[in-house]
Protein backbone atom coordinates (compact mmCIF):
# COMPACT_ATOMS: atom_id res chain seq x y z
CA MET A 1 118.14 158.03 60.87
CA ILE A 2 115.99 158.13 64.01
CA ALA A 3 113.26 155.79 62.70
CA PRO A 4 115.67 152.96 61.75
CA LEU A 5 117.48 153.41 65.06
CA ILE A 6 114.20 153.05 66.98
CA ARG A 7 113.24 150.02 64.89
CA TYR A 8 116.57 148.26 65.42
CA THR A 9 116.58 149.15 69.12
CA THR A 10 113.09 147.69 69.50
CA LEU A 11 114.06 144.51 67.66
CA GLY A 12 117.21 144.23 69.74
CA ALA A 13 115.27 144.65 72.98
CA ALA A 14 112.73 142.06 71.86
CA GLY A 15 115.51 139.66 70.93
CA LEU A 16 117.27 140.20 74.26
CA GLY A 17 113.98 139.71 76.09
CA GLY A 18 113.45 136.45 74.23
CA VAL A 19 116.95 135.24 75.10
CA LEU A 20 116.46 136.12 78.78
CA ALA A 21 113.08 134.37 78.81
CA LEU A 22 114.64 131.24 77.33
CA LYS A 23 117.53 131.37 79.80
CA GLU A 24 115.08 131.73 82.68
CA ASN A 25 113.31 128.61 81.44
CA GLU A 26 116.52 126.63 80.94
CA TRP A 27 116.48 127.25 77.17
CA ASN A 28 113.19 125.37 76.72
CA PRO A 29 110.84 127.50 74.57
CA LYS A 30 107.87 125.34 75.62
CA ASP A 31 108.12 126.77 79.15
CA VAL A 32 107.99 130.45 78.17
CA GLY A 33 104.78 132.10 79.40
CA ILE A 34 103.74 133.53 76.03
CA VAL A 35 104.20 130.10 74.40
CA ARG A 36 102.05 128.43 77.05
CA PHE A 37 99.40 131.15 76.68
CA GLY A 38 99.49 130.87 72.89
CA ARG A 39 99.08 127.11 73.04
CA ALA A 40 96.06 127.46 75.34
CA PHE A 41 94.55 130.23 73.19
CA VAL A 42 94.87 128.19 69.98
CA THR A 43 93.34 125.13 71.63
CA ALA A 44 90.41 127.11 73.06
CA SER A 45 89.84 128.76 69.67
CA LYS A 46 89.75 125.41 67.87
CA ILE A 47 87.29 123.99 70.40
CA ALA A 48 85.04 127.06 70.23
CA ALA A 49 85.08 127.08 66.41
CA ASP A 50 84.29 123.37 66.30
CA TYR A 51 81.19 123.79 68.47
CA LYS A 52 80.18 126.99 66.66
CA PHE A 53 80.37 125.72 63.08
CA SER A 54 80.26 121.92 63.02
CA LEU A 55 77.02 121.70 65.02
CA ARG A 56 74.92 124.05 62.92
CA GLY A 57 71.56 122.44 62.27
CA TYR A 58 72.06 119.80 64.95
CA ASP A 59 69.86 121.30 67.64
CA ASP A 60 67.29 118.53 68.13
CA CYS A 61 67.37 115.15 69.83
CA SER A 62 67.56 113.08 66.65
CA GLU A 63 70.18 110.35 66.29
CA PRO A 64 72.26 112.35 63.75
CA SER A 65 72.31 115.32 66.15
CA LEU A 66 73.36 113.19 69.10
CA GLU A 67 76.14 111.61 67.02
CA ALA A 68 77.35 115.02 65.82
CA TRP A 69 77.46 116.37 69.37
CA SER A 70 79.24 113.26 70.64
CA SER A 71 81.88 113.52 67.90
CA CYS A 72 82.44 117.20 68.67
CA HIS A 73 82.76 116.45 72.39
CA LYS A 74 85.32 113.74 71.62
CA ARG A 75 87.43 115.97 69.34
CA SER A 76 87.34 118.79 71.87
CA ALA A 77 88.24 116.50 74.76
CA GLU A 78 91.25 115.17 72.84
CA ARG A 79 92.42 118.72 72.10
CA LEU A 80 92.06 119.59 75.78
CA LEU A 81 93.97 116.45 76.79
CA ASP A 82 96.81 117.38 74.45
CA LEU A 83 96.93 120.89 75.95
CA CYS A 84 97.00 119.54 79.51
CA CYS A 85 99.85 117.15 78.71
CA LYS A 86 101.94 119.83 76.97
CA ASN A 87 101.41 122.64 79.50
CA GLY A 88 101.39 120.35 82.55
CA GLY A 89 101.08 121.64 86.13
CA ILE A 90 97.83 123.48 86.75
CA PHE A 91 96.42 122.34 83.40
CA ILE A 92 96.78 118.69 84.42
CA LYS A 93 95.17 119.48 87.77
CA VAL A 94 92.15 121.10 86.09
CA GLY A 95 91.96 118.27 83.56
CA GLN A 96 91.85 115.74 86.40
CA HIS A 97 89.12 117.77 88.06
CA ILE A 98 87.03 117.82 84.87
CA ALA A 99 87.52 114.06 84.51
CA ALA A 100 85.90 113.60 87.92
CA LEU A 101 82.78 115.62 87.03
CA GLN A 102 80.92 112.59 85.76
CA TYR A 103 77.48 114.07 86.35
CA LEU A 104 78.21 117.55 85.01
CA VAL A 105 80.17 117.19 81.76
CA PRO A 106 79.72 114.92 78.72
CA VAL A 107 81.07 111.41 79.09
CA GLU A 108 83.47 112.01 76.18
CA TYR A 109 85.34 114.49 78.38
CA THR A 110 85.46 112.37 81.53
CA GLU A 111 86.61 109.26 79.67
CA THR A 112 89.24 111.07 77.59
CA LEU A 113 90.67 113.15 80.44
CA SER A 114 90.64 110.30 82.96
CA VAL A 115 94.05 109.17 81.64
CA LEU A 116 95.53 112.24 83.35
CA HIS A 117 95.15 110.47 86.70
CA ASN A 118 97.92 108.11 85.60
CA LYS A 119 99.84 110.43 83.30
CA ALA A 120 101.34 112.98 85.68
CA PRO A 121 104.87 114.17 84.81
CA LYS A 122 107.96 113.31 86.83
CA SER A 123 110.73 115.74 87.66
CA SER A 124 114.33 114.64 87.20
CA PHE A 125 116.37 113.64 90.24
CA LYS A 126 118.62 116.62 89.49
CA ASP A 127 115.64 118.98 89.83
CA ILE A 128 114.56 117.28 93.05
CA LYS A 129 118.00 117.78 94.61
CA LYS A 130 117.92 121.41 93.50
CA VAL A 131 114.59 122.08 95.25
CA ILE A 132 115.88 120.47 98.45
CA LYS A 133 119.03 122.59 98.42
CA GLU A 134 117.10 125.81 97.70
CA ASP A 135 114.43 125.28 100.36
CA LEU A 136 116.27 123.40 103.12
CA LYS A 137 119.69 125.03 102.60
CA ALA A 138 121.47 121.68 102.60
CA GLU A 139 122.54 119.00 100.17
CA LEU A 140 120.33 115.91 99.94
CA GLU A 141 123.19 113.71 101.18
CA GLU A 142 123.52 115.81 104.35
CA LEU A 143 119.91 115.12 105.35
CA PHE A 144 119.26 111.55 104.25
CA ASP A 145 121.09 108.23 104.57
CA GLU A 146 118.92 106.83 101.78
CA PHE A 147 116.81 108.57 99.15
CA GLU A 148 115.17 106.59 96.34
CA ASP A 149 115.79 108.07 92.90
CA GLU A 150 112.44 106.94 91.53
CA PRO A 151 109.33 108.47 93.12
CA VAL A 152 106.76 106.13 94.66
CA GLY A 153 104.10 108.39 93.21
CA ALA A 154 103.77 111.48 91.01
CA ALA A 155 100.93 113.97 90.60
CA SER A 156 100.27 117.22 88.75
CA PHE A 157 102.03 119.42 91.33
CA ALA A 158 104.51 117.13 93.06
CA GLN A 159 106.05 113.71 93.46
CA VAL A 160 106.82 111.62 96.54
CA HIS A 161 110.11 109.87 97.32
CA ARG A 162 110.81 107.34 100.04
CA ALA A 163 113.86 108.19 102.15
CA LYS A 164 115.63 107.50 105.46
CA LEU A 165 116.60 110.37 107.74
CA LYS A 166 120.28 110.67 108.57
CA SER A 167 119.53 112.06 112.04
CA THR A 168 117.21 109.28 113.28
CA GLY A 169 117.21 106.53 110.66
CA GLN A 170 113.43 106.89 110.37
CA LEU A 171 111.69 106.02 107.11
CA VAL A 172 109.91 109.08 105.69
CA ALA A 173 107.92 110.19 102.67
CA VAL A 174 109.24 113.35 101.00
CA LYS A 175 106.72 115.22 98.88
CA ILE A 176 108.52 117.65 96.57
CA GLN A 177 106.89 120.16 94.25
CA HIS A 178 107.81 120.13 90.58
CA PRO A 179 110.20 123.10 90.27
CA LYS A 180 108.38 124.86 87.41
CA VAL A 181 104.82 124.66 88.76
CA GLN A 182 105.10 127.69 91.05
CA LYS A 183 106.76 129.78 88.35
CA HIS A 184 104.04 129.02 85.79
CA SER A 185 101.08 129.24 88.18
CA TYR A 186 100.21 132.94 87.77
CA VAL A 187 100.34 132.91 83.96
CA ASP A 188 98.45 129.61 83.79
CA MET A 189 95.68 130.73 86.15
CA THR A 190 95.32 134.06 84.34
CA THR A 191 95.22 132.24 81.00
CA MET A 192 92.48 129.84 82.11
CA ASP A 193 90.44 132.61 83.70
CA LEU A 194 90.61 134.72 80.52
CA LEU A 195 89.76 131.86 78.17
CA VAL A 196 86.87 130.59 80.28
CA HIS A 197 85.31 134.07 80.35
CA VAL A 198 85.80 134.51 76.59
CA VAL A 199 84.13 131.14 75.92
CA ALA A 200 81.29 132.09 78.28
CA LYS A 201 80.69 135.23 76.18
CA LEU A 202 80.58 133.20 72.97
CA PHE A 203 78.42 130.47 74.48
CA PRO A 204 75.91 131.91 77.01
CA ASN A 205 74.95 128.39 78.13
CA PHE A 206 78.52 127.65 79.17
CA SER A 207 78.19 127.14 82.92
CA PHE A 208 81.74 126.56 84.12
CA LEU A 209 82.81 130.01 85.23
CA TRP A 210 82.79 128.53 88.73
CA LEU A 211 85.67 126.25 87.69
CA ALA A 212 87.91 129.23 86.94
CA GLU A 213 86.93 130.90 90.22
CA SER A 214 87.56 127.70 92.15
CA THR A 215 90.96 127.31 90.50
CA LYS A 216 92.03 130.86 91.39
CA LYS A 217 90.96 130.33 94.99
CA ASN A 218 92.33 126.85 95.66
CA ILE A 219 95.49 126.52 93.57
CA PRO A 220 97.56 128.98 95.68
CA LEU A 221 96.63 126.97 98.77
CA GLU A 222 97.57 123.68 97.12
CA LEU A 223 100.90 125.09 95.99
CA ASP A 224 101.85 125.93 99.59
CA PHE A 225 102.51 122.57 101.21
CA ARG A 226 102.57 124.17 104.65
CA HIS A 227 98.80 124.55 104.33
CA GLU A 228 98.48 120.81 103.64
CA GLY A 229 100.78 120.05 106.56
CA ARG A 230 98.70 122.10 108.99
CA ASN A 231 95.56 120.31 107.81
CA ALA A 232 97.30 116.95 108.32
CA ASP A 233 98.26 117.94 111.88
CA LYS A 234 94.70 119.03 112.63
CA THR A 235 93.24 115.84 111.17
CA ARG A 236 95.66 113.69 113.16
CA ARG A 237 94.66 115.41 116.41
CA LEU A 238 90.95 115.00 115.66
CA LEU A 239 91.27 111.30 114.81
CA GLU A 240 94.06 110.22 117.14
CA TYR A 241 91.67 108.06 119.19
CA PHE A 242 91.12 105.60 116.34
CA ASP A 243 93.99 103.13 116.39
CA TRP A 244 93.01 101.72 112.99
CA LEU A 245 93.45 105.08 111.27
CA LYS A 246 96.89 106.54 110.54
CA VAL A 247 97.56 110.18 109.63
CA PRO A 248 101.33 110.62 109.08
CA LYS A 249 103.19 113.05 111.31
CA VAL A 250 104.71 116.11 109.63
CA HIS A 251 108.41 116.86 110.20
CA TRP A 252 108.25 120.65 110.16
CA GLU A 253 111.99 121.18 110.55
CA LEU A 254 112.45 119.64 107.09
CA SER A 255 109.36 121.06 105.39
CA SER A 256 108.71 124.23 103.40
CA SER A 257 106.20 125.67 100.96
CA ARG A 258 107.53 123.24 98.32
CA ILE A 259 108.56 120.29 100.50
CA LEU A 260 106.41 118.25 102.87
CA LEU A 261 108.23 115.59 104.87
CA MET A 262 106.09 113.08 106.77
CA ASP A 263 106.33 109.68 108.43
CA TYR A 264 106.18 106.92 105.84
CA GLU A 265 103.06 104.79 106.33
CA VAL A 266 102.35 101.63 104.35
CA GLY A 267 99.02 101.67 102.53
CA ASP A 268 97.21 101.12 99.24
CA MET A 269 95.70 103.24 96.50
CA VAL A 270 92.30 104.67 97.39
CA MET A 271 90.58 102.54 94.74
CA TYR A 272 91.96 99.38 96.37
CA THR A 273 90.47 100.55 99.65
CA VAL A 274 87.16 101.21 97.90
CA ILE A 275 87.06 97.60 96.71
CA LEU A 276 87.64 96.36 100.25
CA ILE A 277 84.93 98.67 101.59
CA ARG A 278 82.41 97.44 99.05
CA ALA A 279 83.17 93.86 100.01
CA ASN A 280 82.93 94.38 103.76
CA MET A 281 79.78 96.21 104.87
CA GLU A 282 80.06 94.89 108.43
CA SER A 283 83.49 96.47 108.85
CA ILE A 284 82.05 99.80 107.71
CA LYS A 285 79.25 99.38 110.26
CA THR A 286 81.79 98.80 113.05
CA HIS A 287 83.91 101.83 112.19
CA ALA A 288 80.82 103.99 111.59
CA THR A 289 79.64 103.19 115.11
CA GLU A 290 83.05 104.23 116.49
CA LEU A 291 82.76 107.50 114.55
CA GLY A 292 79.33 108.17 116.03
CA VAL A 293 77.45 107.67 112.75
CA GLY A 294 75.45 104.74 114.09
CA ASP A 295 72.70 103.36 111.86
CA LEU A 296 73.70 105.68 109.03
CA TYR A 297 76.58 103.34 108.20
CA GLY A 298 74.92 102.40 104.89
CA ILE A 299 75.05 105.98 103.66
CA LEU A 300 78.66 106.27 104.85
CA ALA A 301 79.55 103.10 102.92
CA CYS A 302 77.99 104.46 99.73
CA VAL A 303 79.70 107.83 100.04
CA VAL A 304 83.23 106.62 100.81
CA SER A 305 83.09 103.87 98.20
CA GLY A 306 82.29 106.28 95.38
CA ARG A 307 78.83 104.97 94.54
CA PRO A 308 76.36 107.30 92.77
CA TRP A 309 73.72 108.88 94.99
CA SER A 310 71.03 106.66 93.45
CA ALA A 311 72.82 103.69 95.00
CA VAL A 312 72.48 105.01 98.54
CA VAL A 313 68.87 103.93 99.03
CA ARG A 314 69.16 100.93 96.72
CA GLY A 315 72.37 99.77 98.37
CA ILE A 316 70.96 99.95 101.89
CA THR A 317 67.73 98.24 100.82
CA GLU A 318 69.56 95.42 99.07
CA HIS A 319 71.82 94.90 102.08
CA ILE A 320 68.86 94.73 104.46
CA ASP A 321 67.00 92.34 102.14
CA LYS A 322 70.00 90.02 101.97
CA LYS A 323 70.31 89.94 105.76
CA ALA A 324 66.58 89.25 106.07
């Protein structure tokens, strides 16, 4: 009698725990921690097995070996992309980071994962209103005369809405964290840390333990928007003498760890700015002189315009030759 009772009690407790977990995640099984962990574990296992078994005998620099490695990189990158899209949040952030490591990881990874820069999820307007009410203790309509339903931009952790303050009529940008990111952060960071260390054990040449350490250190800071706000204030004070440079003012009375409200400033995507910089070396020289960089303006132009380091010397030389 006791054994069946224990068995049924255990099953009942497990079932109740599952129901509570689903309720906590608004009845979406995809958001339950164990599901997210399982998805990451399966993906990492498939990638590890692919490298372990499909590349046997391909350890030279012959064309067949290079093709086999490239195909394996591509399959693995696509699996990683699928994981990032399904788990979202921190996974998208890390995927974006990997996509930017053009000189450290195979091109198959950077090209495949680069779509994450334009594939960030959007939270529903209902969720946005909920975050505002929870953090600012007021309904959205009490704080804003206007609030655009569609975000002007969305990223892995948050999205930005344009709005008009009810108190002053000022146009502001409201950065609001996706409601589930904070809740998933601990499980997701622990998952990535565990999997990276397991893969490092299986593949001694795997040199990305630093990525897991960097994630654990920086993600908590990025998830607290007050940290970003303080940095914005500091940057604005340091650069306030340059009338051509705008750092939006933070409205602290309407900001929190998940909400950052700032003056709305008109601008363009960074890549648009890069194009302008590349086309206008003399403008860079002028601003570099104001910043105290002086004759190093060529290096500054190469750095801020995203050129590879090899272009620093070549770029300066070509510019000087053209002027001569």
